[in-house]
Amino acid sequence: MNDPAIPSPAERQALNAALITSGTETGFWDDDGRPAPWPDDIDEWAPVSQPPGATEPQDPPF
């Protein structure tokens, strides 16, 4: 996965250092709700999707 929106590991390290220094949030939070740095494995993430749920024949599809 080579998404241009995801910084390289070296860029993430520099961004995290700058964010820690300035107190800026990355948009990521830890399990306790505190601001967290860019995850090291973000370039390995994949979207989670689920198949649509089954509906009854008389139910609308939305």
N, C-alpha and C. Protein backbone atom coordinates (compact mmCIF):
# COMPACT_ATOMS: atom_id res chain seq x y z
N MET A 1 0.85 -1.17 0.00
CA MET A 1 0.00 0.00 0.00
C MET A 1 0.89 1.23 0.00
N ASN A 2 0.74 2.08 -0.98
CA ASN A 2 1.56 3.27 -1.08
C ASN A 2 0.65 4.49 -1.23
N ASP A 3 0.02 4.88 -0.14
CA ASP A 3 -0.90 6.00 -0.13
C ASP A 3 -0.11 7.30 0.09
N PRO A 4 -0.18 8.26 -0.83
CA PRO A 4 0.58 9.50 -0.66
C PRO A 4 0.14 10.32 0.56
N ALA A 5 -1.04 10.05 1.10
CA ALA A 5 -1.52 10.78 2.28
C ALA A 5 -0.85 10.28 3.56
N ILE A 6 -0.23 9.10 3.50
CA ILE A 6 0.41 8.52 4.68
C ILE A 6 1.90 8.83 4.62
N PRO A 7 2.43 9.54 5.61
CA PRO A 7 3.85 9.86 5.60
C PRO A 7 4.71 8.60 5.72
N SER A 8 5.92 8.67 5.20
CA SER A 8 6.86 7.56 5.32
C SER A 8 7.26 7.41 6.79
N PRO A 9 7.86 6.28 7.17
CA PRO A 9 8.29 6.13 8.58
C PRO A 9 9.19 7.26 9.06
N ALA A 10 10.13 7.71 8.22
CA ALA A 10 11.02 8.80 8.63
C ALA A 10 10.23 10.10 8.80
N GLU A 11 9.29 10.35 7.88
CA GLU A 11 8.46 11.56 8.00
C GLU A 11 7.58 11.49 9.25
N ARG A 12 7.03 10.29 9.55
CA ARG A 12 6.19 10.15 10.75
C ARG A 12 7.00 10.44 12.00
N GLN A 13 8.25 9.95 12.04
CA GLN A 13 9.10 10.19 13.20
C GLN A 13 9.33 11.69 13.38
N ALA A 14 9.62 12.40 12.29
CA ALA A 14 9.83 13.85 12.37
C ALA A 14 8.54 14.57 12.76
N LEU A 15 7.42 14.16 12.16
CA LEU A 15 6.13 14.77 12.51
C LEU A 15 5.79 14.54 13.98
N ASN A 16 5.99 13.32 14.46
CA ASN A 16 5.69 13.03 15.86
C ASN A 16 6.53 13.88 16.80
N ALA A 17 7.82 14.04 16.48
CA ALA A 17 8.69 14.87 17.32
C ALA A 17 8.21 16.32 17.31
N ALA A 18 7.83 16.83 16.14
CA ALA A 18 7.34 18.21 16.06
C ALA A 18 6.02 18.37 16.79
N LEU A 19 5.14 17.36 16.65
CA LEU A 19 3.84 17.45 17.32
C LEU A 19 3.97 17.39 18.83
N ILE A 20 4.87 16.56 19.32
CA ILE A 20 5.09 16.48 20.77
C ILE A 20 5.62 17.81 21.28
N THR A 21 6.54 18.42 20.53
CA THR A 21 7.12 19.70 20.92
C THR A 21 6.07 20.80 20.96
N SER A 22 5.19 20.82 19.95
CA SER A 22 4.21 21.90 19.87
C SER A 22 2.91 21.61 20.60
N GLY A 23 2.69 20.34 20.99
CA GLY A 23 1.46 19.98 21.68
C GLY A 23 0.27 19.82 20.75
N THR A 24 0.53 19.72 19.46
CA THR A 24 -0.53 19.57 18.46
C THR A 24 -1.02 18.12 18.42
N GLU A 25 -2.30 17.92 18.18
CA GLU A 25 -2.85 16.57 18.08
C GLU A 25 -2.67 16.02 16.67
N THR A 26 -2.46 14.71 16.56
CA THR A 26 -2.28 14.06 15.27
C THR A 26 -3.60 13.61 14.66
N GLY A 27 -4.62 13.50 15.49
CA GLY A 27 -5.88 12.93 15.03
C GLY A 27 -5.99 11.47 15.44
N PHE A 28 -4.96 10.97 16.13
CA PHE A 28 -4.98 9.61 16.67
C PHE A 28 -4.99 9.71 18.20
N TRP A 29 -5.70 8.78 18.83
CA TRP A 29 -5.77 8.76 20.28
C TRP A 29 -5.51 7.35 20.78
N ASP A 30 -4.96 7.25 22.00
CA ASP A 30 -4.73 5.94 22.58
C ASP A 30 -6.03 5.40 23.17
N ASP A 31 -5.96 4.22 23.77
CA ASP A 31 -7.17 3.57 24.32
C ASP A 31 -7.80 4.35 25.46
N ASP A 32 -7.03 5.26 26.08
CA ASP A 32 -7.56 6.07 27.18
C ASP A 32 -8.03 7.45 26.73
N GLY A 33 -8.01 7.70 25.40
CA GLY A 33 -8.48 8.97 24.88
C GLY A 33 -7.46 10.09 24.86
N ARG A 34 -6.20 9.78 25.13
CA ARG A 34 -5.15 10.80 25.08
C ARG A 34 -4.61 10.90 23.67
N PRO A 35 -4.20 12.12 23.24
CA PRO A 35 -3.59 12.24 21.91
C PRO A 35 -2.38 11.32 21.79
N ALA A 36 -2.25 10.69 20.63
CA ALA A 36 -1.17 9.74 20.40
C ALA A 36 -0.44 10.10 19.11
N PRO A 37 0.82 9.66 18.97
CA PRO A 37 1.55 9.93 17.73
C PRO A 37 1.04 9.06 16.59
N TRP A 38 1.54 9.32 15.38
CA TRP A 38 1.21 8.49 14.22
C TRP A 38 1.59 7.05 14.54
N PRO A 39 0.72 6.08 14.26
CA PRO A 39 1.06 4.68 14.47
C PRO A 39 2.18 4.23 13.54
N ASP A 40 3.07 3.40 14.06
CA ASP A 40 4.18 2.89 13.25
C ASP A 40 3.71 2.01 12.10
N ASP A 41 2.57 1.35 12.28
CA ASP A 41 2.10 0.39 11.28
C ASP A 41 0.97 0.95 10.40
N ILE A 42 0.82 2.27 10.34
CA ILE A 42 -0.31 2.83 9.61
C ILE A 42 -0.27 2.47 8.13
N ASP A 43 0.92 2.28 7.56
CA ASP A 43 1.01 1.93 6.14
C ASP A 43 0.57 0.49 5.88
N GLU A 44 0.30 -0.26 6.94
CA GLU A 44 -0.18 -1.64 6.79
C GLU A 44 -1.68 -1.75 7.06
N TRP A 45 -2.32 -0.64 7.42
CA TRP A 45 -3.75 -0.66 7.72
C TRP A 45 -4.56 -0.91 6.46
N ALA A 46 -5.69 -1.54 6.63
CA ALA A 46 -6.63 -1.76 5.53
C ALA A 46 -8.02 -1.39 6.02
N PRO A 47 -8.87 -0.86 5.16
CA PRO A 47 -10.21 -0.51 5.60
C PRO A 47 -10.99 -1.75 6.02
N VAL A 48 -11.81 -1.58 7.02
CA VAL A 48 -12.65 -2.67 7.49
C VAL A 48 -14.01 -2.51 6.85
N SER A 49 -14.47 -3.55 6.22
CA SER A 49 -15.80 -3.49 5.62
C SER A 49 -16.55 -4.77 5.95
N GLN A 50 -17.84 -4.65 5.96
CA GLN A 50 -18.70 -5.79 6.26
C GLN A 50 -19.74 -5.91 5.17
N PRO A 51 -20.14 -7.14 4.87
CA PRO A 51 -21.20 -7.28 3.86
C PRO A 51 -22.51 -6.71 4.40
N PRO A 52 -23.39 -6.26 3.51
CA PRO A 52 -24.67 -5.71 3.99
C PRO A 52 -25.46 -6.78 4.73
N GLY A 53 -26.20 -6.35 5.72
CA GLY A 53 -27.02 -7.27 6.49
C GLY A 53 -28.19 -7.80 5.67
N ALA A 54 -28.63 -8.97 6.03
CA ALA A 54 -29.78 -9.57 5.34
C ALA A 54 -31.05 -8.83 5.72
N THR A 55 -31.94 -8.66 4.76
CA THR A 55 -33.22 -8.02 5.03
C THR A 55 -34.35 -8.99 4.66
N GLU A 56 -35.48 -8.71 5.21
CA GLU A 56 -36.66 -9.48 4.86
C GLU A 56 -37.17 -9.01 3.50
N PRO A 57 -37.82 -9.86 2.73
CA PRO A 57 -38.29 -9.46 1.40
C PRO A 57 -39.17 -8.21 1.40
N GLN A 58 -39.95 -7.99 2.44
CA GLN A 58 -40.84 -6.81 2.47
C GLN A 58 -40.14 -5.56 2.94
N ASP A 59 -38.91 -5.66 3.45
CA ASP A 59 -38.17 -4.51 3.95
C ASP A 59 -37.49 -3.76 2.81
N PRO A 60 -37.45 -2.41 2.89
CA PRO A 60 -36.72 -1.66 1.87
C PRO A 60 -35.20 -1.91 2.01
N PRO A 61 -34.43 -1.73 0.97
CA PRO A 61 -33.02 -2.05 1.02
C PRO A 61 -32.15 -1.00 1.70
N PHE A 62 -32.75 -0.04 2.39
CA PHE A 62 -31.97 0.98 3.05
C PHE A 62 -32.31 1.06 4.51
